[in-house]
Amino acid sequence: MEKSLHSEGYALFLRQFRAARKSAGVTQIELAKRLAETQSFVSKCERGERRIDVVELREFCRALGVPFNEFTRRLDTGMARKRSTPGHRRV
């Protein structure tokens, strides 16, 4: 099993994570303020330099007004699609 930080699944997660912020019309600076963090913290999370745990993800979702279960459902759907793509190697 490859490290999840460098997996296709984590890359999908990061794309969805950034898209959620952008579709909410929130800048990294605004999100950082809502989380009582720095813009650098948000940027590192979005770039995958800092790993996000499930508790932090829930707080990010809350700060963006995105239901946590909706975010994870979309991620699960995207990952399932990726696994069913021809040529995808299952581990």
PDB file of N, CA and C in Angstrom:
ATOM      1  N   MET A   1       0.853  -1.180   0.000  1.00  0.00           N
ATOM      2  CA  MET A   1       0.000   0.000   0.000  1.00  0.00           C
ATOM      3  C   MET A   1       0.893   1.235   0.000  1.00  0.00           C
ATOM      4  N   GLU A   2       0.630   2.144  -0.934  1.00  0.00           N
ATOM      5  CA  GLU A   2       1.438   3.355  -0.975  1.00  0.00           C
ATOM      6  C   GLU A   2       0.997   4.320   0.118  1.00  0.00           C
ATOM      7  N   LYS A   3       1.907   5.191   0.519  1.00  0.00           N
ATOM      8  CA  LYS A   3       1.579   6.185   1.535  1.00  0.00           C
ATOM      9  C   LYS A   3       0.438   7.046   1.020  1.00  0.00           C
ATOM     10  N   SER A   4      -0.566   7.240   1.848  1.00  0.00           N
ATOM     11  CA  SER A   4      -1.763   7.946   1.390  1.00  0.00           C
ATOM     12  C   SER A   4      -1.491   9.402   1.028  1.00  0.00           C
ATOM     13  N   LEU A   5      -0.457   9.989   1.620  1.00  0.00           N
ATOM     14  CA  LEU A   5      -0.135  11.383   1.332  1.00  0.00           C
ATOM     15  C   LEU A   5       0.233  11.568  -0.138  1.00  0.00           C
ATOM     16  N   HIS A   6       0.769  10.516  -0.763  1.00  0.00           N
ATOM     17  CA  HIS A   6       1.201  10.600  -2.156  1.00  0.00           C
ATOM     18  C   HIS A   6       0.331   9.768  -3.085  1.00  0.00           C
ATOM     19  N   SER A   7      -0.818   9.381  -2.624  1.00  0.00           N
ATOM     20  CA  SER A   7      -1.687   8.526  -3.425  1.00  0.00           C
ATOM     21  C   SER A   7      -2.598   9.353  -4.337  1.00  0.00           C
ATOM     22  N   GLU A   8      -3.168   8.671  -5.316  1.00  0.00           N
ATOM     23  CA  GLU A   8      -4.144   9.320  -6.194  1.00  0.00           C
ATOM     24  C   GLU A   8      -5.362   9.754  -5.384  1.00  0.00           C
ATOM     25  N   GLY A   9      -5.715   8.948  -4.385  1.00  0.00           N
ATOM     26  CA  GLY A   9      -6.857   9.283  -3.540  1.00  0.00           C
ATOM     27  C   GLY A   9      -6.642  10.570  -2.765  1.00  0.00           C
ATOM     28  N   TYR A  10      -5.432  10.759  -2.238  1.00  0.00           N
ATOM     29  CA  TYR A  10      -5.157  11.992  -1.486  1.00  0.00           C
ATOM     30  C   TYR A  10      -5.108  13.191  -2.428  1.00  0.00           C
ATOM     31  N   ALA A  11      -4.599  12.975  -3.645  1.00  0.00           N
ATOM     32  CA  ALA A  11      -4.601  14.057  -4.636  1.00  0.00           C
ATOM     33  C   ALA A  11      -6.038  14.463  -4.965  1.00  0.00           C
ATOM     34  N   LEU A  12      -6.920  13.489  -5.085  1.00  0.00           N
ATOM     35  CA  LEU A  12      -8.339  13.776  -5.313  1.00  0.00           C
ATOM     36  C   LEU A  12      -8.912  14.548  -4.123  1.00  0.00           C
ATOM     37  N   PHE A  13      -8.579  14.113  -2.915  1.00  0.00           N
ATOM     38  CA  PHE A  13      -9.025  14.803  -1.713  1.00  0.00           C
ATOM     39  C   PHE A  13      -8.588  16.270  -1.738  1.00  0.00           C
ATOM     40  N   LEU A  14      -7.319  16.523  -2.072  1.00  0.00           N
ATOM     41  CA  LEU A  14      -6.813  17.897  -2.088  1.00  0.00           C
ATOM     42  C   LEU A  14      -7.522  18.748  -3.134  1.00  0.00           C
ATOM     43  N   ARG A  15      -7.794  18.171  -4.301  1.00  0.00           N
ATOM     44  CA  ARG A  15      -8.541  18.915  -5.333  1.00  0.00           C
ATOM     45  C   ARG A  15      -9.933  19.274  -4.836  1.00  0.00           C
ATOM     46  N   GLN A  16     -10.593  18.320  -4.203  1.00  0.00           N
ATOM     47  CA  GLN A  16     -11.940  18.566  -3.681  1.00  0.00           C
ATOM     48  C   GLN A  16     -11.895  19.583  -2.541  1.00  0.00           C
ATOM     49  N   PHE A  17     -10.873  19.489  -1.720  1.00  0.00           N
ATOM     50  CA  PHE A  17     -10.690  20.396  -0.591  1.00  0.00           C
ATOM     51  C   PHE A  17     -10.564  21.847  -1.078  1.00  0.00           C
ATOM     52  N   ARG A  18      -9.692  22.076  -2.067  1.00  0.00           N
ATOM     53  CA  ARG A  18      -9.528  23.426  -2.633  1.00  0.00           C
ATOM     54  C   ARG A  18     -10.812  23.891  -3.312  1.00  0.00           C
ATOM     55  N   ALA A  19     -11.446  22.984  -4.054  1.00  0.00           N
ATOM     56  CA  ALA A  19     -12.675  23.341  -4.765  1.00  0.00           C
ATOM     57  C   ALA A  19     -13.775  23.751  -3.797  1.00  0.00           C
ATOM     58  N   ALA A  20     -13.866  23.085  -2.658  1.00  0.00           N
ATOM     59  CA  ALA A  20     -14.891  23.425  -1.658  1.00  0.00           C
ATOM     60  C   ALA A  20     -14.696  24.850  -1.154  1.00  0.00           C
ATOM     61  N   ARG A  21     -13.448  25.215  -0.892  1.00  0.00           N
ATOM     62  CA  ARG A  21     -13.172  26.580  -0.423  1.00  0.00           C
ATOM     63  C   ARG A  21     -13.517  27.595  -1.492  1.00  0.00           C
ATOM     64  N   LYS A  22     -13.081  27.315  -2.717  1.00  0.00           N
ATOM     65  CA  LYS A  22     -13.316  28.261  -3.810  1.00  0.00           C
ATOM     66  C   LYS A  22     -14.802  28.393  -4.126  1.00  0.00           C
ATOM     67  N   SER A  23     -15.523  27.268  -4.124  1.00  0.00           N
ATOM     68  CA  SER A  23     -16.959  27.355  -4.431  1.00  0.00           C
ATOM     69  C   SER A  23     -17.731  28.055  -3.322  1.00  0.00           C
ATOM     70  N   ALA A  24     -17.173  28.055  -2.112  1.00  0.00           N
ATOM     71  CA  ALA A  24     -17.793  28.794  -1.010  1.00  0.00           C
ATOM     72  C   ALA A  24     -17.457  30.283  -1.100  1.00  0.00           C
ATOM     73  N   GLY A  25     -16.586  30.657  -2.038  1.00  0.00           N
ATOM     74  CA  GLY A  25     -16.200  32.053  -2.205  1.00  0.00           C
ATOM     75  C   GLY A  25     -15.348  32.567  -1.060  1.00  0.00           C
ATOM     76  N   VAL A  26     -14.537  31.692  -0.493  1.00  0.00           N
ATOM     77  CA  VAL A  26     -13.726  32.036   0.678  1.00  0.00           C
ATOM     78  C   VAL A  26     -12.247  31.996   0.287  1.00  0.00           C
ATOM     79  N   THR A  27     -11.514  33.028   0.643  1.00  0.00           N
ATOM     80  CA  THR A  27     -10.077  33.038   0.386  1.00  0.00           C
ATOM     81  C   THR A  27      -9.357  32.244   1.468  1.00  0.00           C
ATOM     82  N   GLN A  28      -8.109  31.925   1.205  1.00  0.00           N
ATOM     83  CA  GLN A  28      -7.308  31.248   2.222  1.00  0.00           C
ATOM     84  C   GLN A  28      -7.206  32.102   3.489  1.00  0.00           C
ATOM     85  N   ILE A  29      -7.078  33.387   3.315  1.00  0.00           N
ATOM     86  CA  ILE A  29      -6.975  34.297   4.468  1.00  0.00           C
ATOM     87  C   ILE A  29      -8.263  34.277   5.285  1.00  0.00           C
ATOM     88  N   GLU A  30      -9.410  34.335   4.611  1.00  0.00           N
ATOM     89  CA  GLU A  30     -10.693  34.288   5.317  1.00  0.00           C
ATOM     90  C   GLU A  30     -10.869  32.958   6.052  1.00  0.00           C
ATOM     91  N   LEU A  31     -10.515  31.862   5.380  1.00  0.00           N
ATOM     92  CA  LEU A  31     -10.642  30.556   6.010  1.00  0.00           C
ATOM     93  C   LEU A  31      -9.721  30.458   7.221  1.00  0.00           C
ATOM     94  N   ALA A  32      -8.518  30.951   7.083  1.00  0.00           N
ATOM     95  CA  ALA A  32      -7.570  30.936   8.199  1.00  0.00           C
ATOM     96  C   ALA A  32      -8.139  31.688   9.403  1.00  0.00           C
ATOM     97  N   LYS A  33      -8.753  32.824   9.162  1.00  0.00           N
ATOM     98  CA  LYS A  33      -9.351  33.588  10.267  1.00  0.00           C
ATOM     99  C   LYS A  33     -10.473  32.808  10.935  1.00  0.00           C
ATOM    100  N   ARG A  34     -11.294  32.157  10.128  1.00  0.00           N
ATOM    101  CA  ARG A  34     -12.405  31.365  10.676  1.00  0.00           C
ATOM    102  C   ARG A  34     -11.897  30.198  11.531  1.00  0.00           C
ATOM    103  N   LEU A  35     -10.717  29.694  11.176  1.00  0.00           N
ATOM    104  CA  LEU A  35     -10.135  28.567  11.899  1.00  0.00           C
ATOM    105  C   LEU A  35      -9.177  28.992  13.011  1.00  0.00           C
ATOM    106  N   ALA A  36      -8.952  30.300  13.138  1.00  0.00           N
ATOM    107  CA  ALA A  36      -7.961  30.841  14.083  1.00  0.00           C
ATOM    108  C   ALA A  36      -6.577  30.256  13.790  1.00  0.00           C
ATOM    109  N   GLU A  37      -6.258  30.208  12.501  1.00  0.00           N
ATOM    110  CA  GLU A  37      -4.967  29.713  12.027  1.00  0.00           C
ATOM    111  C   GLU A  37      -4.360  30.768  11.115  1.00  0.00           C
ATOM    112  N   THR A  38      -3.208  30.450  10.535  1.00  0.00           N
ATOM    113  CA  THR A  38      -2.560  31.367   9.598  1.00  0.00           C
ATOM    114  C   THR A  38      -2.912  30.986   8.169  1.00  0.00           C
ATOM    115  N   GLN A  39      -2.736  31.926   7.259  1.00  0.00           N
ATOM    116  CA  GLN A  39      -2.947  31.639   5.842  1.00  0.00           C
ATOM    117  C   GLN A  39      -1.952  30.586   5.387  1.00  0.00           C
ATOM    118  N   SER A  40      -0.758  30.622   5.934  1.00  0.00           N
ATOM    119  CA  SER A  40       0.270  29.640   5.599  1.00  0.00           C
ATOM    120  C   SER A  40      -0.179  28.221   5.959  1.00  0.00           C
ATOM    121  N   PHE A  41      -0.851  28.071   7.087  1.00  0.00           N
ATOM    122  CA  PHE A  41      -1.387  26.771   7.510  1.00  0.00           C
ATOM    123  C   PHE A  41      -2.377  26.248   6.477  1.00  0.00           C
ATOM    124  N   VAL A  42      -3.302  27.103   6.059  1.00  0.00           N
ATOM    125  CA  VAL A  42      -4.310  26.703   5.067  1.00  0.00           C
ATOM    126  C   VAL A  42      -3.632  26.337   3.747  1.00  0.00           C
ATOM    127  N   SER A  43      -2.664  27.153   3.326  1.00  0.00           N
ATOM    128  CA  SER A  43      -1.953  26.896   2.087  1.00  0.00           C
ATOM    129  C   SER A  43      -1.221  25.555   2.131  1.00  0.00           C
ATOM    130  N   LYS A  44      -0.555  25.267   3.227  1.00  0.00           N
ATOM    131  CA  LYS A  44       0.166  23.995   3.362  1.00  0.00           C
ATOM    132  C   LYS A  44      -0.801  22.814   3.336  1.00  0.00           C
ATOM    133  N   CYS A  45      -1.955  22.974   3.933  1.00  0.00           N
ATOM    134  CA  CYS A  45      -2.961  21.906   3.894  1.00  0.00           C
ATOM    135  C   CYS A  45      -3.445  21.682   2.468  1.00  0.00           C
ATOM    136  N   GLU A  46      -3.730  22.757   1.755  1.00  0.00           N
ATOM    137  CA  GLU A  46      -4.232  22.645   0.382  1.00  0.00           C
ATOM    138  C   GLU A  46      -3.199  22.073  -0.574  1.00  0.00           C
ATOM    139  N   ARG A  47      -1.928  22.325  -0.319  1.00  0.00           N
ATOM    140  CA  ARG A  47      -0.865  21.804  -1.191  1.00  0.00           C
ATOM    141  C   ARG A  47      -0.430  20.398  -0.803  1.00  0.00           C
ATOM    142  N   GLY A  48      -0.919  19.912   0.315  1.00  0.00           N
ATOM    143  CA  GLY A  48      -0.550  18.576   0.752  1.00  0.00           C
ATOM    144  C   GLY A  48       0.749  18.521   1.529  1.00  0.00           C
ATOM    145  N   GLU A  49       1.263  19.676   1.908  1.00  0.00           N
ATOM    146  CA  GLU A  49       2.490  19.710   2.712  1.00  0.00           C
ATOM    147  C   GLU A  49       2.201  19.377   4.171  1.00  0.00           C
ATOM    148  N   ARG A  50       0.978  19.605   4.567  1.00  0.00           N
ATOM    149  CA  ARG A  50       0.543  19.281   5.921  1.00  0.00           C
ATOM    150  C   ARG A  50      -0.679  18.396   5.814  1.00  0.00           C
ATOM    151  N   ARG A  51      -0.604  17.260   6.428  1.00  0.00           N
ATOM    152  CA  ARG A  51      -1.696  16.292   6.380  1.00  0.00           C
ATOM    153  C   ARG A  51      -2.857  16.754   7.262  1.00  0.00           C
ATOM    154  N   ILE A  52      -4.069  16.519   6.778  1.00  0.00           N
ATOM    155  CA  ILE A  52      -5.278  16.907   7.500  1.00  0.00           C
ATOM    156  C   ILE A  52      -5.910  15.652   8.086  1.00  0.00           C
ATOM    157  N   ASP A  53      -6.188  15.678   9.378  1.00  0.00           N
ATOM    158  CA  ASP A  53      -6.876  14.516   9.950  1.00  0.00           C
ATOM    159  C   ASP A  53      -8.383  14.751   9.892  1.00  0.00           C
ATOM    160  N   VAL A  54      -9.132  13.736  10.226  1.00  0.00           N
ATOM    161  CA  VAL A  54     -10.591  13.780  10.074  1.00  0.00           C
ATOM    162  C   VAL A  54     -11.223  14.842  10.976  1.00  0.00           C
ATOM    163  N   VAL A  55     -10.663  15.059  12.149  1.00  0.00           N
ATOM    164  CA  VAL A  55     -11.202  16.076  13.055  1.00  0.00           C
ATOM    165  C   VAL A  55     -10.978  17.471  12.459  1.00  0.00           C
ATOM    166  N   GLU A  56      -9.783  17.697  11.904  1.00  0.00           N
ATOM    167  CA  GLU A  56      -9.508  18.984  11.258  1.00  0.00           C
ATOM    168  C   GLU A  56     -10.393  19.168  10.029  1.00  0.00           C
ATOM    169  N   LEU A  57     -10.582  18.108   9.263  1.00  0.00           N
ATOM    170  CA  LEU A  57     -11.439  18.200   8.084  1.00  0.00           C
ATOM    171  C   LEU A  57     -12.842  18.632   8.475  1.00  0.00           C
ATOM    172  N   ARG A  58     -13.336  18.086   9.554  1.00  0.00           N
ATOM    173  CA  ARG A  58     -14.673  18.469  10.021  1.00  0.00           C
ATOM    174  C   ARG A  58     -14.726  19.963  10.342  1.00  0.00           C
ATOM    175  N   GLU A  59     -13.658  20.486  10.954  1.00  0.00           N
ATOM    176  CA  GLU A  59     -13.602  21.922  11.267  1.00  0.00           C
ATOM    177  C   GLU A  59     -13.504  22.767   9.996  1.00  0.00           C
ATOM    178  N   PHE A  60     -12.719  22.309   9.027  1.00  0.00           N
ATOM    179  CA  PHE A  60     -12.636  23.014   7.750  1.00  0.00           C
ATOM    180  C   PHE A  60     -14.019  23.070   7.102  1.00  0.00           C
ATOM    181  N   CYS A  61     -14.706  21.946   7.077  1.00  0.00           N
ATOM    182  CA  CYS A  61     -16.040  21.900   6.482  1.00  0.00           C
ATOM    183  C   CYS A  61     -16.990  22.855   7.194  1.00  0.00           C
ATOM    184  N   ARG A  62     -16.963  22.834   8.520  1.00  0.00           N
ATOM    185  CA  ARG A  62     -17.819  23.729   9.297  1.00  0.00           C
ATOM    186  C   ARG A  62     -17.514  25.194   8.956  1.00  0.00           C
ATOM    187  N   ALA A  63     -16.228  25.524   8.871  1.00  0.00           N
ATOM    188  CA  ALA A  63     -15.827  26.902   8.572  1.00  0.00           C
ATOM    189  C   ALA A  63     -16.257  27.336   7.176  1.00  0.00           C
ATOM    190  N   LEU A  64     -16.398  26.383   6.270  1.00  0.00           N
ATOM    191  CA  LEU A  64     -16.811  26.696   4.900  1.00  0.00           C
ATOM    192  C   LEU A  64     -18.316  26.580   4.691  1.00  0.00           C
ATOM    193  N   GLY A  65     -19.027  26.065   5.693  1.00  0.00           N
ATOM    194  CA  GLY A  65     -20.463  25.876   5.545  1.00  0.00           C
ATOM    195  C   GLY A  65     -20.804  24.678   4.667  1.00  0.00           C
ATOM    196  N   VAL A  66     -19.882  23.717   4.603  1.00  0.00           N
ATOM    197  CA  VAL A  66     -20.084  22.507   3.809  1.00  0.00           C
ATOM    198  C   VAL A  66     -20.374  21.352   4.772  1.00  0.00           C
ATOM    199  N   PRO A  67     -21.496  20.693   4.633  1.00  0.00           N
ATOM    200  CA  PRO A  67     -21.761  19.553   5.516  1.00  0.00           C
ATOM    201  C   PRO A  67     -20.662  18.492   5.374  1.00  0.00           C
ATOM    202  N   PHE A  68     -20.128  18.071   6.498  1.00  0.00           N
ATOM    203  CA  PHE A  68     -19.044  17.092   6.533  1.00  0.00           C
ATOM    204  C   PHE A  68     -19.423  15.814   5.787  1.00  0.00           C
ATOM    205  N   ASN A  69     -20.638  15.327   6.033  1.00  0.00           N
ATOM    206  CA  ASN A  69     -21.047  14.085   5.373  1.00  0.00           C
ATOM    207  C   ASN A  69     -21.171  14.255   3.864  1.00  0.00           C
ATOM    208  N   GLU A  70     -21.530  15.449   3.409  1.00  0.00           N
ATOM    209  CA  GLU A  70     -21.611  15.709   1.967  1.00  0.00           C
ATOM    210  C   GLU A  70     -20.203  15.702   1.352  1.00  0.00           C
ATOM    211  N   PHE A  71     -19.259  16.344   2.037  1.00  0.00           N
ATOM    212  CA  PHE A  71     -17.885  16.370   1.548  1.00  0.00           C
ATOM    213  C   PHE A  71     -17.329  14.954   1.433  1.00  0.00           C
ATOM    214  N   THR A  72     -17.503  14.161   2.484  1.00  0.00           N
ATOM    215  CA  THR A  72     -16.952  12.804   2.471  1.00  0.00           C
ATOM    216  C   THR A  72     -17.687  11.908   1.475  1.00  0.00           C
ATOM    217  N   ARG A  73     -18.983  12.126   1.289  1.00  0.00           N
ATOM    218  CA  ARG A  73     -19.734  11.349   0.288  1.00  0.00           C
ATOM    219  C   ARG A  73     -19.198  11.638  -1.105  1.00  0.00           C
ATOM    220  N   ARG A  74     -18.961  12.906  -1.405  1.00  0.00           N
ATOM    221  CA  ARG A  74     -18.417  13.268  -2.722  1.00  0.00           C
ATOM    222  C   ARG A  74     -17.025  12.669  -2.923  1.00  0.00           C
ATOM    223  N   LEU A  75     -16.222  12.709  -1.868  1.00  0.00           N
ATOM    224  CA  LEU A  75     -14.890  12.129  -1.955  1.00  0.00           C
ATOM    225  C   LEU A  75     -14.979  10.626  -2.210  1.00  0.00           C
ATOM    226  N   ASP A  76     -15.847   9.958  -1.480  1.00  0.00           N
ATOM    227  CA  ASP A  76     -16.011   8.516  -1.648  1.00  0.00           C
ATOM    228  C   ASP A  76     -16.480   8.181  -3.068  1.00  0.00           C
ATOM    229  N   THR A  77     -17.405   8.953  -3.592  1.00  0.00           N
ATOM    230  CA  THR A  77     -17.898   8.740  -4.950  1.00  0.00           C
ATOM    231  C   THR A  77     -16.772   8.925  -5.965  1.00  0.00           C
ATOM    232  N   GLY A  78     -15.981   9.975  -5.787  1.00  0.00           N
ATOM    233  CA  GLY A  78     -14.858  10.224  -6.691  1.00  0.00           C
ATOM    234  C   GLY A  78     -13.817   9.125  -6.633  1.00  0.00           C
ATOM    235  N   MET A  79     -13.546   8.630  -5.438  1.00  0.00           N
ATOM    236  CA  MET A  79     -12.562   7.564  -5.290  1.00  0.00           C
ATOM    237  C   MET A  79     -13.084   6.257  -5.882  1.00  0.00           C
ATOM    238  N   ALA A  80     -14.374   5.997  -5.738  1.00  0.00           N
ATOM    239  CA  ALA A  80     -14.972   4.789  -6.316  1.00  0.00           C
ATOM    240  C   ALA A  80     -14.899   4.844  -7.836  1.00  0.00           C
ATOM    241  N   ARG A  81     -15.143   6.012  -8.405  1.00  0.00           N
ATOM    242  CA  ARG A  81     -15.046   6.184  -9.857  1.00  0.00           C
ATOM    243  C   ARG A  81     -13.627   5.924 -10.331  1.00  0.00           C
ATOM    244  N   LYS A  82     -12.661   6.439  -9.567  1.00  0.00           N
ATOM    245  CA  LYS A  82     -11.257   6.270  -9.917  1.00  0.00           C
ATOM    246  C   LYS A  82     -10.873   4.790  -9.908  1.00  0.00           C
ATOM    247  N   ARG A  83     -11.361   4.056  -8.912  1.00  0.00           N
ATOM    248  CA  ARG A  83     -11.055   2.620  -8.815  1.00  0.00           C
ATOM    249  C   ARG A  83     -11.660   1.836  -9.957  1.00  0.00           C
ATOM    250  N   SER A  84     -12.810   2.289 -10.454  1.00  0.00           N
ATOM    251  CA  SER A  84     -13.478   1.540 -11.526  1.00  0.00           C
ATOM    252  C   SER A  84     -12.989   1.937 -12.910  1.00  0.00           C
ATOM    253  N   THR A  85     -12.069   2.902 -12.997  1.00  0.00           N
ATOM    254  CA  THR A  85     -11.532   3.330 -14.274  1.00  0.00           C
ATOM    255  C   THR A  85     -10.645   2.228 -14.846  1.00  0.00           C
ATOM    256  N   PRO A  86     -10.850   1.867 -16.137  1.00  0.00           N
ATOM    257  CA  PRO A  86     -10.010   0.832 -16.744  1.00  0.00           C
ATOM    258  C   PRO A  86      -8.538   1.209 -16.652  1.00  0.00           C
ATOM    259  N   GLY A  87      -7.727   0.217 -16.333  1.00  0.00           N
ATOM    260  CA  GLY A  87      -6.295   0.453 -16.211  1.00  0.00           C
ATOM    261  C   GLY A  87      -5.852   0.859 -14.836  1.00  0.00           C
ATOM    262  N   HIS A  88      -6.809   1.121 -13.955  1.00  0.00           N
ATOM    263  CA  HIS A  88      -6.440   1.495 -12.581  1.00  0.00           C
ATOM    264  C   HIS A  88      -5.991   0.253 -11.833  1.00  0.00           C
ATOM    265  N   ARG A  89      -4.868   0.345 -11.199  1.00  0.00           N
ATOM    266  CA  ARG A  89      -4.295  -0.780 -10.464  1.00  0.00           C
ATOM    267  C   ARG A  89      -4.875  -0.794  -9.059  1.00  0.00           C
ATOM    268  N   ARG A  90      -5.525  -1.888  -8.695  1.00  0.00           N
ATOM    269  CA  ARG A  90      -6.062  -2.043  -7.349  1.00  0.00           C
ATOM    270  C   ARG A  90      -4.970  -2.588  -6.455  1.00  0.00           C
ATOM    271  N   VAL A  91      -4.895  -2.059  -5.265  1.00  0.00           N
ATOM    272  CA  VAL A  91      -3.875  -2.490  -4.309  1.00  0.00           C
ATOM    273  C   VAL A  91      -4.485  -3.411  -3.289  1.00  0.00           C
TER     274      VAL A  91
END
